[in-house]
């Protein structure tokens, strides 16, 4: 089922997610990382602090970045799960519609699978702006 349509769909999905991630990085993550690095540098400026104290300070500075990474990872994992569930549903529909022993319907089954996956992927692509808003909202918390 590695047809040209499915390959194009995968590239379109990957490109859309990469674009979304780049926007999230520019809007929220990069400034958060910059702040964490500057904070960590300040932690190391006081030579009178113990190494444990300095490390604890650095760890505190990194917490917002770590929390933000979890938010993004959770949403991306959810997106991947949606895609996997959609693919499984499409496979089930095609399996139920076409007999496994009847190879004469193979091209129709492939076409139905491609149409189902295209529809599911387009639904997910259309929902990416909502996912992006949710990520940005959760990053501001």
C-alpha atoms as a PDB file:
ATOM      1  CA  UNK A   1       0.000   0.000   0.000  1.00  0.00           C
ATOM      2  CA  UNK A   2       2.996   2.286  -0.392  1.00  0.00           C
ATOM      3  CA  UNK A   3       1.395   4.121  -3.284  1.00  0.00           C
ATOM      4  CA  UNK A   4       2.315   7.555  -4.537  1.00  0.00           C
ATOM      5  CA  UNK A   5      -0.818   9.037  -2.934  1.00  0.00           C
ATOM      6  CA  UNK A   6       0.029   7.636   0.488  1.00  0.00           C
ATOM      7  CA  UNK A   7       3.651   8.797   0.171  1.00  0.00           C
ATOM      8  CA  UNK A   8       2.464  12.299  -0.726  1.00  0.00           C
ATOM      9  CA  UNK A   9       0.044  12.231   2.182  1.00  0.00           C
ATOM     10  CA  UNK A  10       2.831  11.239   4.580  1.00  0.00           C
ATOM     11  CA  UNK A  11       5.046  14.064   3.301  1.00  0.00           C
ATOM     12  CA  UNK A  12       2.183  16.554   3.593  1.00  0.00           C
ATOM     13  CA  UNK A  13       1.466  15.444   7.160  1.00  0.00           C
ATOM     14  CA  UNK A  14       5.150  15.546   8.128  1.00  0.00           C
ATOM     15  CA  UNK A  15       5.593  18.993   6.608  1.00  0.00           C
ATOM     16  CA  UNK A  16       2.499  20.363   8.372  1.00  0.00           C
ATOM     17  CA  UNK A  17       3.616  19.012  11.743  1.00  0.00           C
ATOM     18  CA  UNK A  18       7.152  20.365  11.229  1.00  0.00           C
ATOM     19  CA  UNK A  19       5.724  23.781  10.333  1.00  0.00           C
ATOM     20  CA  UNK A  20       3.557  23.702  13.466  1.00  0.00           C
ATOM     21  CA  UNK A  21       6.529  22.732  15.626  1.00  0.00           C
ATOM     22  CA  UNK A  22       8.654  25.521  14.120  1.00  0.00           C
ATOM     23  CA  UNK A  23       5.946  28.063  14.946  1.00  0.00           C
ATOM     24  CA  UNK A  24       5.655  26.741  18.512  1.00  0.00           C
ATOM     25  CA  UNK A  25       9.441  26.900  18.859  1.00  0.00           C
ATOM     26  CA  UNK A  26       9.578  30.506  17.667  1.00  0.00           C
ATOM     27  CA  UNK A  27       6.547  31.662  19.657  1.00  0.00           C
ATOM     28  CA  UNK A  28       7.233  29.957  22.972  1.00  0.00           C
ATOM     29  CA  UNK A  29       9.969  27.374  23.316  1.00  0.00           C
ATOM     30  CA  UNK A  30      13.017  29.281  22.164  1.00  0.00           C
ATOM     31  CA  UNK A  31      12.521  32.200  24.545  1.00  0.00           C
ATOM     32  CA  UNK A  32      11.868  29.726  27.346  1.00  0.00           C
ATOM     33  CA  UNK A  33      15.135  27.912  26.565  1.00  0.00           C
ATOM     34  CA  UNK A  34      17.017  31.201  26.400  1.00  0.00           C
ATOM     35  CA  UNK A  35      15.703  32.188  29.812  1.00  0.00           C
ATOM     36  CA  UNK A  36      16.668  28.804  31.226  1.00  0.00           C
ATOM     37  CA  UNK A  37      20.217  29.077  29.856  1.00  0.00           C
ATOM     38  CA  UNK A  38      20.658  32.609  31.191  1.00  0.00           C
ATOM     39  CA  UNK A  39      19.280  31.527  34.552  1.00  0.00           C
ATOM     40  CA  UNK A  40      21.656  28.543  34.613  1.00  0.00           C
ATOM     41  CA  UNK A  41      24.581  30.806  33.739  1.00  0.00           C
ATOM     42  CA  UNK A  42      23.677  33.031  36.671  1.00  0.00           C
ATOM     43  CA  UNK A  43      23.653  29.966  38.922  1.00  0.00           C
ATOM     44  CA  UNK A  44      27.287  29.359  38.019  1.00  0.00           C
ATOM     45  CA  UNK A  45      28.420  32.934  38.537  1.00  0.00           C
ATOM     46  CA  UNK A  46      28.601  32.787  42.320  1.00  0.00           C
ATOM     47  CA  UNK A  47      31.822  30.929  43.117  1.00  0.00           C
ATOM     48  CA  UNK A  48      30.972  30.923  46.842  1.00  0.00           C
ATOM     49  CA  UNK A  49      28.040  28.502  46.334  1.00  0.00           C
ATOM     50  CA  UNK A  50      28.658  24.810  46.730  1.00  0.00           C
ATOM     51  CA  UNK A  51      28.539  22.630  43.635  1.00  0.00           C
ATOM     52  CA  UNK A  52      25.332  21.029  44.919  1.00  0.00           C
ATOM     53  CA  UNK A  53      23.735  24.421  45.411  1.00  0.00           C
ATOM     54  CA  UNK A  54      24.762  25.523  41.918  1.00  0.00           C
ATOM     55  CA  UNK A  55      23.427  22.290  40.402  1.00  0.00           C
ATOM     56  CA  UNK A  56      20.129  22.647  42.263  1.00  0.00           C
ATOM     57  CA  UNK A  57      19.838  26.166  40.923  1.00  0.00           C
ATOM     58  CA  UNK A  58      20.525  24.973  37.352  1.00  0.00           C
ATOM     59  CA  UNK A  59      17.942  22.190  37.774  1.00  0.00           C
ATOM     60  CA  UNK A  60      15.321  24.731  38.903  1.00  0.00           C
ATOM     61  CA  UNK A  61      16.108  26.886  35.876  1.00  0.00           C
ATOM     62  CA  UNK A  62      15.552  23.915  33.546  1.00  0.00           C
ATOM     63  CA  UNK A  63      12.171  22.869  35.018  1.00  0.00           C
ATOM     64  CA  UNK A  64      10.010  25.107  32.779  1.00  0.00           C
ATOM     65  CA  UNK A  65      11.771  23.745  29.677  1.00  0.00           C
ATOM     66  CA  UNK A  66      11.353  20.157  30.833  1.00  0.00           C
ATOM     67  CA  UNK A  67       7.663  20.741  31.553  1.00  0.00           C
ATOM     68  CA  UNK A  68       7.205  22.336  28.134  1.00  0.00           C
ATOM     69  CA  UNK A  69       8.878  19.409  26.424  1.00  0.00           C
ATOM     70  CA  UNK A  70       6.432  17.068  28.174  1.00  0.00           C
ATOM     71  CA  UNK A  71       3.477  19.133  26.940  1.00  0.00           C
ATOM     72  CA  UNK A  72       4.720  18.981  23.351  1.00  0.00           C
ATOM     73  CA  UNK A  73       5.622  15.276  23.566  1.00  0.00           C
ATOM     74  CA  UNK A  74       2.172  14.429  24.927  1.00  0.00           C
ATOM     75  CA  UNK A  75       0.439  16.220  22.062  1.00  0.00           C
ATOM     76  CA  UNK A  76       2.710  14.695  19.400  1.00  0.00           C
ATOM     77  CA  UNK A  77       2.202  11.222  20.890  1.00  0.00           C
ATOM     78  CA  UNK A  78      -1.546  11.822  20.825  1.00  0.00           C
ATOM     79  CA  UNK A  79      -1.318  12.877  17.190  1.00  0.00           C
ATOM     80  CA  UNK A  80       0.610   9.716  16.322  1.00  0.00           C
ATOM     81  CA  UNK A  81      -1.966   7.625  18.183  1.00  0.00           C
ATOM     82  CA  UNK A  82      -4.761   9.266  16.215  1.00  0.00           C
ATOM     83  CA  UNK A  83      -3.015   8.412  12.974  1.00  0.00           C
ATOM     84  CA  UNK A  84      -2.473   4.819  14.056  1.00  0.00           C
ATOM     85  CA  UNK A  85      -6.116   4.459  15.112  1.00  0.00           C
ATOM     86  CA  UNK A  86      -7.276   5.937  11.815  1.00  0.00           C
ATOM     87  CA  UNK A  87      -5.088   3.524   9.856  1.00  0.00           C
ATOM     88  CA  UNK A  88      -6.432   0.594  11.872  1.00  0.00           C
ATOM     89  CA  UNK A  89     -10.018   1.716  11.296  1.00  0.00           C
ATOM     90  CA  UNK A  90      -9.396   2.032   7.562  1.00  0.00           C
ATOM     91  CA  UNK A  91      -7.837  -1.424   7.488  1.00  0.00           C
ATOM     92  CA  UNK A  92     -10.825  -2.854   9.339  1.00  0.00           C
ATOM     93  CA  UNK A  93     -13.279  -1.222   6.925  1.00  0.00           C
ATOM     94  CA  UNK A  94     -11.438  -2.560   3.893  1.00  0.00           C
ATOM     95  CA  UNK A  95     -11.050  -5.997   5.472  1.00  0.00           C
ATOM     96  CA  UNK A  96     -14.759  -6.137   6.272  1.00  0.00           C
ATOM     97  CA  UNK A  97     -15.750  -4.953   2.809  1.00  0.00           C
ATOM     98  CA  UNK A  98     -13.499  -7.182   0.729  1.00  0.00           C
ATOM     99  CA  UNK A  99     -12.909 -10.885   0.988  1.00  0.00           C
ATOM    100  CA  UNK A 100      -9.339 -11.811   1.861  1.00  0.00           C
ATOM    101  CA  UNK A 101      -9.445 -14.747  -0.566  1.00  0.00           C
ATOM    102  CA  UNK A 102     -10.750 -12.754  -3.530  1.00  0.00           C
ATOM    103  CA  UNK A 103      -7.772 -11.105  -5.237  1.00  0.00           C
ATOM    104  CA  UNK A 104      -9.949  -9.677  -8.015  1.00  0.00           C
ATOM    105  CA  UNK A 105     -10.944  -6.830  -5.677  1.00  0.00           C
ATOM    106  CA  UNK A 106      -7.392  -5.992  -4.640  1.00  0.00           C
ATOM    107  CA  UNK A 107      -7.168  -2.765  -6.655  1.00  0.00           C
ATOM    108  CA  UNK A 108     -10.557  -1.626  -5.333  1.00  0.00           C
ATOM    109  CA  UNK A 109      -9.462  -2.470  -1.779  1.00  0.00           C
ATOM    110  CA  UNK A 110      -6.265  -0.469  -2.200  1.00  0.00           C
ATOM    111  CA  UNK A 111      -8.222   2.458  -3.637  1.00  0.00           C
ATOM    112  CA  UNK A 112     -10.692   2.346  -0.713  1.00  0.00           C
ATOM    113  CA  UNK A 113      -7.815   2.182   1.758  1.00  0.00           C
ATOM    114  CA  UNK A 114      -6.143   5.196   0.147  1.00  0.00           C
ATOM    115  CA  UNK A 115      -9.387   7.173   0.172  1.00  0.00           C
ATOM    116  CA  UNK A 116     -10.038   6.311   3.802  1.00  0.00           C
ATOM    117  CA  UNK A 117      -6.498   7.243   4.857  1.00  0.00           C
ATOM    118  CA  UNK A 118      -6.636  10.464   2.836  1.00  0.00           C
ATOM    119  CA  UNK A 119      -9.886  11.445   4.534  1.00  0.00           C
ATOM    120  CA  UNK A 120      -8.544  10.592   7.992  1.00  0.00           C
ATOM    121  CA  UNK A 121      -5.276  12.443   7.400  1.00  0.00           C
ATOM    122  CA  UNK A 122      -7.112  15.500   6.096  1.00  0.00           C
ATOM    123  CA  UNK A 123      -9.273  15.504   9.234  1.00  0.00           C
ATOM    124  CA  UNK A 124      -6.122  15.475  11.349  1.00  0.00           C
ATOM    125  CA  UNK A 125      -4.457  18.146   9.196  1.00  0.00           C
ATOM    126  CA  UNK A 126      -7.528  20.348   9.564  1.00  0.00           C
ATOM    127  CA  UNK A 127      -7.285  19.905  13.338  1.00  0.00           C
ATOM    128  CA  UNK A 128      -3.592  20.918  13.562  1.00  0.00           C
ATOM    129  CA  UNK A 129      -4.426  24.597  14.245  1.00  0.00           C
ATOM    130  CA  UNK A 130      -6.476  23.494  17.274  1.00  0.00           C
ATOM    131  CA  UNK A 131      -3.644  21.257  18.453  1.00  0.00           C
ATOM    132  CA  UNK A 132      -1.195  24.142  18.059  1.00  0.00           C
ATOM    133  CA  UNK A 133      -3.464  26.461  20.053  1.00  0.00           C
ATOM    134  CA  UNK A 134      -3.809  23.845  22.784  1.00  0.00           C
ATOM    135  CA  UNK A 135      -0.028  23.380  22.983  1.00  0.00           C
ATOM    136  CA  UNK A 136       0.590  27.136  23.141  1.00  0.00           C
ATOM    137  CA  UNK A 137      -2.140  27.533  25.768  1.00  0.00           C
ATOM    138  CA  UNK A 138      -0.630  24.741  27.895  1.00  0.00           C
ATOM    139  CA  UNK A 139       2.850  26.213  27.542  1.00  0.00           C
ATOM    140  CA  UNK A 140       1.635  29.501  29.013  1.00  0.00           C
ATOM    141  CA  UNK A 141       0.396  27.810  32.197  1.00  0.00           C
END
